[in-house]
């Protein structure tokens, strides 16, 4: 029995090591986001960073997300709409997002910093806390960023769950 127990242990241990190695290889180009008070404050004070290109997802009036990506990187997807961010527009978008999130979901919006696969800060993101984005680094400073998943929270935010829940809903 002892030999069988050791054999099973080594099989399981080997499988765990193999899976860990594969997952590291598979996800080596994926990046991360981190919620941050300074990022939130920069959006809520309508501070436009001249080193960033800005994009929105969702509605032009009530976006589900605002993305600011360092100009050294190219957004390699058509899932976001690039906007020429001006102070008036920035103020309007952030204010609309805050109003909508409180009316539909009783949540506040949050700012996040976006990091590449080497832990370098490459951008900012503003969204509901429950949302998440997937960031994949590609060659030649290209980045693929998928907007938040269309789950019930975002469906509610976008007015797709039915009922009257605030402006435009």
N, C-alpha and C. Protein backbone atom coordinates (compact mmCIF):
# COMPACT_ATOMS: atom_id res chain seq x y z
N UNK A 1 0.81 -1.20 0.00
CA UNK A 1 0.00 0.00 0.00
C UNK A 1 0.85 1.26 0.00
N UNK A 2 1.98 1.21 0.70
CA UNK A 2 2.82 2.39 0.78
C UNK A 2 3.39 2.76 -0.59
N UNK A 3 3.74 1.76 -1.38
CA UNK A 3 4.28 2.05 -2.71
C UNK A 3 3.22 2.68 -3.60
N UNK A 4 1.99 2.19 -3.52
CA UNK A 4 0.91 2.77 -4.31
C UNK A 4 0.63 4.21 -3.90
N UNK A 5 0.67 4.48 -2.60
CA UNK A 5 0.46 5.84 -2.10
C UNK A 5 1.52 6.80 -2.60
N UNK A 6 2.78 6.36 -2.58
CA UNK A 6 3.86 7.21 -3.09
C UNK A 6 3.72 7.42 -4.59
N UNK A 7 3.35 6.37 -5.30
CA UNK A 7 3.18 6.46 -6.75
C UNK A 7 2.08 7.48 -7.09
N UNK A 8 0.96 7.38 -6.40
CA UNK A 8 -0.14 8.32 -6.64
C UNK A 8 0.29 9.74 -6.28
N UNK A 9 1.02 9.89 -5.18
CA UNK A 9 1.51 11.21 -4.79
C UNK A 9 2.38 11.80 -5.91
N UNK A 10 3.31 11.02 -6.46
CA UNK A 10 4.20 11.52 -7.51
C UNK A 10 3.44 11.84 -8.79
N UNK A 11 2.42 11.06 -9.10
CA UNK A 11 1.58 11.34 -10.28
C UNK A 11 0.87 12.68 -10.08
N UNK A 12 0.25 12.87 -8.94
CA UNK A 12 -0.47 14.12 -8.67
C UNK A 12 0.50 15.30 -8.63
N UNK A 13 1.64 15.11 -7.95
CA UNK A 13 2.63 16.17 -7.87
C UNK A 13 3.13 16.55 -9.27
N UNK A 14 3.39 15.57 -10.11
CA UNK A 14 3.84 15.83 -11.48
C UNK A 14 2.78 16.56 -12.30
N UNK A 15 1.52 16.15 -12.12
CA UNK A 15 0.43 16.81 -12.84
C UNK A 15 0.30 18.26 -12.42
N UNK A 16 0.43 18.53 -11.13
CA UNK A 16 0.34 19.91 -10.63
C UNK A 16 1.47 20.75 -11.22
N UNK A 17 2.68 20.22 -11.22
CA UNK A 17 3.81 20.95 -11.80
C UNK A 17 3.60 21.21 -13.28
N UNK A 18 3.11 20.22 -14.00
CA UNK A 18 2.85 20.36 -15.43
C UNK A 18 1.81 21.45 -15.68
N UNK A 19 0.72 21.41 -14.92
CA UNK A 19 -0.33 22.43 -15.08
C UNK A 19 0.18 23.82 -14.73
N UNK A 20 0.97 23.92 -13.69
CA UNK A 20 1.52 25.22 -13.30
C UNK A 20 2.43 25.76 -14.40
N UNK A 21 3.25 24.91 -14.96
CA UNK A 21 4.14 25.33 -16.05
C UNK A 21 3.37 25.75 -17.27
N UNK A 22 2.32 25.00 -17.62
CA UNK A 22 1.51 25.34 -18.79
C UNK A 22 0.75 26.64 -18.57
N UNK A 23 0.20 26.82 -17.38
CA UNK A 23 -0.56 28.05 -17.14
C UNK A 23 0.36 29.27 -17.17
N UNK A 24 1.58 29.13 -16.66
CA UNK A 24 2.53 30.23 -16.72
C UNK A 24 2.84 30.57 -18.17
N UNK A 25 3.05 29.55 -18.98
CA UNK A 25 3.34 29.77 -20.39
C UNK A 25 2.14 30.36 -21.12
N UNK A 26 0.95 29.83 -20.83
CA UNK A 26 -0.25 30.29 -21.52
C UNK A 26 -0.60 31.73 -21.17
N UNK A 27 -0.35 32.15 -19.94
CA UNK A 27 -0.79 33.46 -19.49
C UNK A 27 0.34 34.47 -19.37
N UNK A 28 1.49 34.19 -19.95
CA UNK A 28 2.64 35.08 -19.80
C UNK A 28 2.42 36.44 -20.44
N UNK A 29 1.54 36.55 -21.41
CA UNK A 29 1.30 37.83 -22.09
C UNK A 29 0.08 38.56 -21.55
N UNK A 30 -0.52 38.04 -20.49
CA UNK A 30 -1.69 38.69 -19.93
C UNK A 30 -1.27 39.63 -18.81
N UNK A 31 -2.03 40.69 -18.66
CA UNK A 31 -1.68 41.75 -17.73
C UNK A 31 -2.70 41.83 -16.62
N UNK A 32 -2.62 42.89 -15.82
CA UNK A 32 -3.52 43.00 -14.67
C UNK A 32 -4.02 44.42 -14.48
N UNK A 33 -5.04 44.53 -13.65
CA UNK A 33 -5.57 45.83 -13.23
C UNK A 33 -5.59 45.84 -11.71
N UNK A 34 -5.47 47.04 -11.14
CA UNK A 34 -5.56 47.19 -9.69
C UNK A 34 -6.36 48.43 -9.37
N UNK A 35 -7.37 48.24 -8.54
CA UNK A 35 -8.17 49.37 -8.08
C UNK A 35 -7.26 50.31 -7.28
N UNK A 36 -7.44 51.61 -7.49
CA UNK A 36 -6.56 52.56 -6.82
C UNK A 36 -7.31 53.87 -6.56
N UNK A 37 -7.16 54.40 -5.35
CA UNK A 37 -7.82 55.64 -4.95
C UNK A 37 -7.34 56.81 -5.82
N UNK A 38 -6.04 56.87 -6.12
CA UNK A 38 -5.52 57.96 -6.96
C UNK A 38 -6.11 57.91 -8.37
N UNK A 39 -6.26 56.70 -8.90
CA UNK A 39 -6.86 56.56 -10.23
C UNK A 39 -8.32 57.02 -10.20
N UNK A 40 -9.04 56.62 -9.16
CA UNK A 40 -10.43 57.06 -9.01
C UNK A 40 -10.51 58.58 -8.91
N UNK A 41 -9.66 59.17 -8.07
CA UNK A 41 -9.66 60.63 -7.90
C UNK A 41 -9.34 61.37 -9.19
N UNK A 42 -8.43 60.84 -9.99
CA UNK A 42 -8.09 61.53 -11.24
C UNK A 42 -9.29 61.58 -12.18
N UNK A 43 -10.09 60.52 -12.20
CA UNK A 43 -11.30 60.55 -13.02
C UNK A 43 -12.32 61.50 -12.42
N UNK A 44 -12.53 61.43 -11.13
CA UNK A 44 -13.58 62.22 -10.51
C UNK A 44 -13.22 63.70 -10.39
N UNK A 45 -11.96 64.03 -10.60
CA UNK A 45 -11.54 65.43 -10.68
C UNK A 45 -11.37 65.85 -12.14
N UNK A 46 -11.75 64.95 -13.04
CA UNK A 46 -11.74 65.20 -14.49
C UNK A 46 -10.36 65.58 -15.00
N UNK A 47 -9.33 64.88 -14.50
CA UNK A 47 -7.95 65.17 -14.89
C UNK A 47 -7.57 64.34 -16.11
N UNK A 48 -7.40 65.02 -17.22
CA UNK A 48 -7.00 64.37 -18.46
C UNK A 48 -5.48 64.28 -18.49
N UNK A 49 -4.98 63.10 -18.77
CA UNK A 49 -3.54 62.88 -18.87
C UNK A 49 -3.14 62.98 -20.34
N UNK A 50 -2.31 63.93 -20.67
CA UNK A 50 -1.91 64.15 -22.07
C UNK A 50 -1.11 62.99 -22.65
N UNK A 51 -0.60 62.10 -21.81
CA UNK A 51 0.18 60.95 -22.27
C UNK A 51 -0.69 59.74 -22.61
N UNK A 52 -2.01 59.91 -22.49
CA UNK A 52 -2.92 58.80 -22.73
C UNK A 52 -3.85 59.06 -23.90
N UNK A 53 -4.18 58.01 -24.64
CA UNK A 53 -5.28 58.02 -25.60
C UNK A 53 -6.49 57.48 -24.85
N UNK A 54 -7.65 58.10 -25.05
CA UNK A 54 -8.85 57.71 -24.31
C UNK A 54 -9.84 56.98 -25.22
N UNK A 55 -10.51 55.99 -24.61
CA UNK A 55 -11.49 55.16 -25.31
C UNK A 55 -12.67 54.93 -24.37
N UNK A 56 -13.83 54.66 -24.96
CA UNK A 56 -15.00 54.31 -24.16
C UNK A 56 -15.59 53.01 -24.69
N UNK A 57 -16.31 52.30 -23.81
CA UNK A 57 -17.10 51.15 -24.24
C UNK A 57 -18.53 51.40 -23.79
N UNK A 58 -19.47 50.86 -24.54
CA UNK A 58 -20.88 51.07 -24.23
C UNK A 58 -21.40 52.33 -24.91
N UNK A 59 -22.36 52.96 -24.29
CA UNK A 59 -23.03 54.14 -24.82
C UNK A 59 -22.10 55.34 -24.93
N UNK A 60 -22.37 56.20 -25.90
CA UNK A 60 -21.61 57.44 -26.04
C UNK A 60 -21.95 58.43 -24.93
N UNK A 61 -23.13 58.29 -24.32
CA UNK A 61 -23.58 59.20 -23.27
C UNK A 61 -23.32 58.63 -21.88
N UNK A 62 -23.59 57.33 -21.72
CA UNK A 62 -23.40 56.63 -20.46
C UNK A 62 -22.46 55.44 -20.69
N UNK A 63 -21.19 55.68 -20.91
CA UNK A 63 -20.29 54.55 -21.17
C UNK A 63 -20.24 53.60 -19.97
N UNK A 64 -19.98 52.34 -20.24
CA UNK A 64 -19.77 51.39 -19.15
C UNK A 64 -18.35 51.50 -18.63
N UNK A 65 -17.43 51.95 -19.48
CA UNK A 65 -16.02 52.07 -19.08
C UNK A 65 -15.34 53.20 -19.85
N UNK A 66 -14.37 53.80 -19.20
CA UNK A 66 -13.44 54.71 -19.87
C UNK A 66 -12.05 54.11 -19.70
N UNK A 67 -11.32 54.07 -20.78
CA UNK A 67 -9.97 53.53 -20.79
C UNK A 67 -9.01 54.61 -21.24
N UNK A 68 -7.94 54.78 -20.51
CA UNK A 68 -6.85 55.67 -20.91
C UNK A 68 -5.61 54.81 -21.10
N UNK A 69 -5.09 54.75 -22.33
CA UNK A 69 -3.94 53.90 -22.63
C UNK A 69 -2.75 54.76 -23.02
N UNK A 70 -1.60 54.47 -22.43
CA UNK A 70 -0.37 55.20 -22.74
C UNK A 70 -0.17 55.26 -24.25
N UNK A 71 0.19 56.44 -24.74
CA UNK A 71 0.35 56.64 -26.19
C UNK A 71 1.47 55.82 -26.80
N UNK A 72 2.33 55.25 -25.98
CA UNK A 72 3.39 54.37 -26.49
C UNK A 72 2.83 53.02 -26.94
N UNK A 73 1.56 52.75 -26.60
CA UNK A 73 0.93 51.48 -26.95
C UNK A 73 -0.19 51.70 -27.96
N UNK A 74 -0.45 50.67 -28.75
CA UNK A 74 -1.54 50.70 -29.72
C UNK A 74 -2.62 49.73 -29.28
N UNK A 75 -3.85 50.22 -29.19
CA UNK A 75 -4.97 49.36 -28.85
C UNK A 75 -5.34 48.56 -30.10
N UNK A 76 -5.21 47.25 -30.02
CA UNK A 76 -5.37 46.37 -31.18
C UNK A 76 -6.70 45.64 -31.14
N UNK A 77 -7.78 46.40 -31.06
CA UNK A 77 -9.12 45.85 -31.08
C UNK A 77 -10.10 46.95 -31.46
N UNK A 78 -11.24 46.56 -32.02
CA UNK A 78 -12.26 47.55 -32.37
C UNK A 78 -13.43 47.52 -31.38
N UNK A 79 -13.19 46.97 -30.19
CA UNK A 79 -14.23 46.87 -29.18
C UNK A 79 -14.40 48.15 -28.36
N UNK A 80 -13.53 49.11 -28.58
CA UNK A 80 -13.58 50.39 -27.88
C UNK A 80 -13.72 51.50 -28.90
N UNK A 81 -14.31 52.60 -28.50
CA UNK A 81 -14.42 53.78 -29.36
C UNK A 81 -13.42 54.82 -28.87
N UNK A 82 -12.52 55.23 -29.76
CA UNK A 82 -11.55 56.27 -29.39
C UNK A 82 -12.26 57.61 -29.33
N UNK A 83 -11.96 58.39 -28.29
CA UNK A 83 -12.56 59.72 -28.15
C UNK A 83 -11.47 60.76 -27.98
N UNK A 84 -11.70 61.91 -28.55
CA UNK A 84 -10.80 63.05 -28.38
C UNK A 84 -11.25 63.72 -27.08
N UNK A 85 -10.59 63.35 -25.99
CA UNK A 85 -11.04 63.76 -24.67
C UNK A 85 -10.73 65.23 -24.41
N UNK A 86 -11.77 65.98 -24.21
CA UNK A 86 -11.71 67.39 -23.84
C UNK A 86 -12.30 67.52 -22.43
N UNK A 87 -11.94 68.57 -21.69
CA UNK A 87 -12.43 68.71 -20.30
C UNK A 87 -13.94 68.62 -20.17
N UNK A 88 -14.69 69.27 -21.07
CA UNK A 88 -16.15 69.26 -20.97
C UNK A 88 -16.69 67.85 -21.18
N UNK A 89 -16.16 67.14 -22.18
CA UNK A 89 -16.60 65.79 -22.47
C UNK A 89 -16.25 64.85 -21.31
N UNK A 90 -15.03 64.98 -20.79
CA UNK A 90 -14.59 64.13 -19.69
C UNK A 90 -15.51 64.31 -18.49
N UNK A 91 -15.78 65.54 -18.14
CA UNK A 91 -16.66 65.85 -17.02
C UNK A 91 -18.05 65.26 -17.24
N UNK A 92 -18.58 65.43 -18.43
CA UNK A 92 -19.92 64.93 -18.75
C UNK A 92 -19.97 63.39 -18.66
N UNK A 93 -18.98 62.71 -19.25
CA UNK A 93 -18.98 61.24 -19.25
C UNK A 93 -18.87 60.69 -17.83
N UNK A 94 -17.93 61.21 -17.06
CA UNK A 94 -17.73 60.71 -15.69
C UNK A 94 -18.97 60.99 -14.84
N UNK A 95 -19.52 62.18 -14.95
CA UNK A 95 -20.72 62.53 -14.18
C UNK A 95 -21.88 61.63 -14.56
N UNK A 96 -22.08 61.40 -15.85
CA UNK A 96 -23.16 60.52 -16.31
C UNK A 96 -22.96 59.09 -15.79
N UNK A 97 -21.73 58.62 -15.83
CA UNK A 97 -21.44 57.27 -15.35
C UNK A 97 -21.72 57.14 -13.86
N UNK A 98 -21.32 58.13 -13.08
CA UNK A 98 -21.55 58.11 -11.64
C UNK A 98 -23.05 58.13 -11.33
N UNK A 99 -23.80 58.97 -12.04
CA UNK A 99 -25.25 59.07 -11.82
C UNK A 99 -25.92 57.75 -12.17
N UNK A 100 -25.60 57.21 -13.32
CA UNK A 100 -26.21 55.96 -13.78
C UNK A 100 -25.89 54.82 -12.82
N UNK A 101 -24.64 54.71 -12.37
CA UNK A 101 -24.25 53.59 -11.51
C UNK A 101 -24.98 53.63 -10.17
N UNK A 102 -25.22 54.82 -9.65
CA UNK A 102 -25.95 54.93 -8.39
C UNK A 102 -27.43 54.61 -8.59
N UNK A 103 -28.02 55.06 -9.71
CA UNK A 103 -29.44 54.85 -9.94
C UNK A 103 -29.77 53.40 -10.27
N UNK A 104 -28.94 52.76 -11.03
CA UNK A 104 -29.26 51.39 -11.44
C UNK A 104 -28.75 50.35 -10.48
N UNK A 105 -27.59 50.57 -9.93
CA UNK A 105 -26.88 49.50 -9.25
C UNK A 105 -26.51 49.83 -7.81
N UNK A 106 -26.78 51.06 -7.36
CA UNK A 106 -26.39 51.52 -6.02
C UNK A 106 -24.91 51.28 -5.76
N UNK A 107 -24.10 51.55 -6.77
CA UNK A 107 -22.65 51.39 -6.66
C UNK A 107 -21.95 52.66 -7.10
N UNK A 108 -20.75 52.81 -6.60
CA UNK A 108 -19.92 53.92 -7.07
C UNK A 108 -18.96 53.40 -8.13
N UNK A 109 -18.49 54.30 -8.95
CA UNK A 109 -17.51 53.95 -9.97
C UNK A 109 -16.13 53.92 -9.32
N UNK A 110 -15.21 53.20 -9.96
CA UNK A 110 -13.86 53.06 -9.42
C UNK A 110 -12.83 53.25 -10.53
N UNK A 111 -11.68 53.77 -10.12
CA UNK A 111 -10.55 53.90 -11.03
C UNK A 111 -9.57 52.77 -10.78
N UNK A 112 -8.91 52.37 -11.85
CA UNK A 112 -7.94 51.27 -11.79
C UNK A 112 -6.71 51.68 -12.58
N UNK A 113 -5.57 51.15 -12.18
CA UNK A 113 -4.38 51.26 -13.02
C UNK A 113 -4.24 49.95 -13.78
N UNK A 114 -3.79 50.06 -15.01
CA UNK A 114 -3.57 48.90 -15.87
C UNK A 114 -2.07 48.66 -15.96
N UNK A 115 -1.67 47.42 -15.75
CA UNK A 115 -0.26 47.03 -15.80
C UNK A 115 -0.03 46.01 -16.90
N UNK A 116 1.13 46.11 -17.55
CA UNK A 116 1.46 45.11 -18.58
C UNK A 116 1.97 43.84 -17.91
N UNK A 117 2.39 42.88 -18.71
CA UNK A 117 2.84 41.59 -18.19
C UNK A 117 4.19 41.68 -17.46
N UNK A 118 4.83 42.86 -17.48
CA UNK A 118 6.08 43.07 -16.75
C UNK A 118 5.88 44.02 -15.57
N UNK A 119 4.61 44.25 -15.23
CA UNK A 119 4.21 45.09 -14.11
C UNK A 119 4.51 46.58 -14.31
N UNK A 120 4.56 47.03 -15.56
CA UNK A 120 4.71 48.46 -15.88
C UNK A 120 3.31 49.06 -16.03
N UNK A 121 3.10 50.23 -15.43
CA UNK A 121 1.81 50.91 -15.55
C UNK A 121 1.66 51.42 -16.98
N UNK A 122 0.58 50.98 -17.66
CA UNK A 122 0.38 51.38 -19.06
C UNK A 122 -0.92 52.15 -19.29
N UNK A 123 -1.74 52.28 -18.25
CA UNK A 123 -2.98 53.01 -18.47
C UNK A 123 -3.86 53.05 -17.24
N UNK A 124 -5.05 53.62 -17.45
CA UNK A 124 -6.07 53.73 -16.40
C UNK A 124 -7.40 53.26 -16.95
N UNK A 125 -8.28 52.92 -16.04
CA UNK A 125 -9.60 52.43 -16.42
C UNK A 125 -10.58 52.89 -15.36
N UNK A 126 -11.80 53.23 -15.78
CA UNK A 126 -12.85 53.71 -14.87
C UNK A 126 -14.11 52.92 -15.16
N UNK A 127 -14.67 52.31 -14.12
CA UNK A 127 -15.80 51.41 -14.33
C UNK A 127 -16.44 51.06 -13.00
N UNK A 128 -17.51 50.26 -13.06
CA UNK A 128 -18.06 49.68 -11.85
C UNK A 128 -17.04 48.71 -11.26
N UNK A 129 -17.09 48.54 -9.97
CA UNK A 129 -16.12 47.66 -9.30
C UNK A 129 -16.28 46.21 -9.73
N UNK A 130 -17.49 45.78 -10.02
CA UNK A 130 -17.73 44.39 -10.39
C UNK A 130 -17.24 44.03 -11.78
N UNK A 131 -16.89 45.01 -12.57
CA UNK A 131 -16.45 44.74 -13.93
C UNK A 131 -15.01 44.29 -13.97
N UNK A 132 -14.67 43.61 -15.01
CA UNK A 132 -13.27 43.24 -15.20
C UNK A 132 -12.96 43.25 -16.68
N UNK A 133 -11.74 43.54 -16.98
CA UNK A 133 -11.30 43.54 -18.36
C UNK A 133 -10.15 42.55 -18.49
N UNK A 134 -9.97 42.07 -19.70
CA UNK A 134 -8.86 41.17 -19.99
C UNK A 134 -7.87 41.94 -20.86
N UNK A 135 -6.61 41.92 -20.46
CA UNK A 135 -5.56 42.66 -21.16
C UNK A 135 -4.52 41.67 -21.65
N UNK A 136 -4.29 41.68 -22.95
CA UNK A 136 -3.28 40.79 -23.53
C UNK A 136 -2.24 41.62 -24.27
N UNK A 137 -1.00 41.45 -23.89
CA UNK A 137 0.11 42.15 -24.54
C UNK A 137 0.51 41.39 -25.80
N UNK A 138 0.74 42.13 -26.86
CA UNK A 138 1.20 41.54 -28.12
C UNK A 138 2.54 42.16 -28.48
N UNK A 139 3.09 41.74 -29.58
CA UNK A 139 4.37 42.29 -30.05
C UNK A 139 4.19 43.73 -30.53
N UNK A 140 5.28 44.44 -30.64
CA UNK A 140 5.32 45.80 -31.17
C UNK A 140 4.43 46.77 -30.38
N UNK A 141 4.41 46.63 -29.07
CA UNK A 141 3.64 47.52 -28.17
C UNK A 141 2.16 47.56 -28.49
N UNK A 142 1.64 46.46 -29.00
CA UNK A 142 0.20 46.35 -29.23
C UNK A 142 -0.45 45.68 -28.03
N UNK A 143 -1.67 46.14 -27.72
CA UNK A 143 -2.40 45.63 -26.58
C UNK A 143 -3.83 45.32 -27.02
N UNK A 144 -4.33 44.16 -26.61
CA UNK A 144 -5.73 43.83 -26.81
C UNK A 144 -6.39 43.93 -25.45
N UNK A 145 -7.41 44.77 -25.36
CA UNK A 145 -8.14 44.92 -24.10
C UNK A 145 -9.61 44.66 -24.39
N UNK A 146 -10.13 43.65 -23.71
CA UNK A 146 -11.55 43.31 -23.86
C UNK A 146 -12.33 44.04 -22.78
N UNK A 147 -13.41 44.77 -23.17
CA UNK A 147 -14.21 45.50 -22.19
C UNK A 147 -14.91 44.56 -21.22
N UNK A 148 -15.55 45.12 -20.19
CA UNK A 148 -16.22 44.29 -19.20
C UNK A 148 -17.22 43.33 -19.83
N UNK A 149 -17.32 42.17 -19.22
CA UNK A 149 -18.23 41.12 -19.64
C UNK A 149 -19.67 41.60 -19.51
N UNK A 150 -20.52 41.20 -20.42
CA UNK A 150 -21.92 41.61 -20.43
C UNK A 150 -22.72 40.76 -19.43
N UNK A 151 -22.42 40.93 -18.13
CA UNK A 151 -23.14 40.17 -17.11
C UNK A 151 -24.35 40.96 -16.61
N UNK A 152 -25.04 40.42 -15.61
CA UNK A 152 -26.27 41.06 -15.13
C UNK A 152 -26.03 42.47 -14.60
N UNK A 153 -24.89 42.69 -13.94
CA UNK A 153 -24.59 44.02 -13.43
C UNK A 153 -24.51 45.03 -14.56
N UNK A 154 -23.82 44.67 -15.62
CA UNK A 154 -23.70 45.59 -16.75
C UNK A 154 -24.97 45.66 -17.57
N UNK A 155 -25.72 44.58 -17.63
CA UNK A 155 -27.01 44.63 -18.31
C UNK A 155 -27.93 45.60 -17.58
N UNK A 156 -27.91 45.55 -16.25
CA UNK A 156 -28.70 46.47 -15.45
C UNK A 156 -28.25 47.91 -15.71
N UNK A 157 -26.92 48.11 -15.72
CA UNK A 157 -26.35 49.43 -15.97
C UNK A 157 -26.79 49.97 -17.33
N UNK A 158 -26.80 49.08 -18.32
CA UNK A 158 -27.15 49.48 -19.68
C UNK A 158 -28.65 49.46 -19.94
N UNK A 159 -29.45 49.10 -18.93
CA UNK A 159 -30.90 49.10 -19.08
C UNK A 159 -31.43 47.91 -19.86
N UNK A 160 -30.69 46.82 -19.94
CA UNK A 160 -31.10 45.67 -20.74
C UNK A 160 -31.88 44.63 -19.94
N UNK A 161 -32.06 44.87 -18.62
CA UNK A 161 -32.80 43.92 -17.80
C UNK A 161 -34.27 44.30 -17.69
N UNK A 162 -34.66 45.41 -18.30
CA UNK A 162 -36.06 45.82 -18.26
C UNK A 162 -36.35 46.71 -17.07
N UNK A 163 -37.49 47.34 -17.10
CA UNK A 163 -37.90 48.20 -16.00
C UNK A 163 -37.35 49.61 -16.17
N UNK A 164 -37.85 50.51 -15.36
CA UNK A 164 -37.40 51.89 -15.39
C UNK A 164 -36.46 52.11 -14.23
N UNK A 165 -35.20 52.35 -14.52
CA UNK A 165 -34.19 52.44 -13.45
C UNK A 165 -33.36 53.71 -13.54
N UNK A 166 -33.84 54.73 -14.12
CA UNK A 166 -33.07 55.96 -14.17
C UNK A 166 -33.00 56.51 -15.57
N UNK A 167 -32.18 57.55 -15.77
CA UNK A 167 -32.13 58.21 -17.07
C UNK A 167 -31.71 57.26 -18.17
N UNK A 168 -32.46 57.28 -19.24
CA UNK A 168 -32.10 56.50 -20.42
C UNK A 168 -32.33 55.02 -20.24
N UNK A 169 -33.00 54.63 -19.17
CA UNK A 169 -33.15 53.19 -18.92
C UNK A 169 -34.53 52.73 -19.18
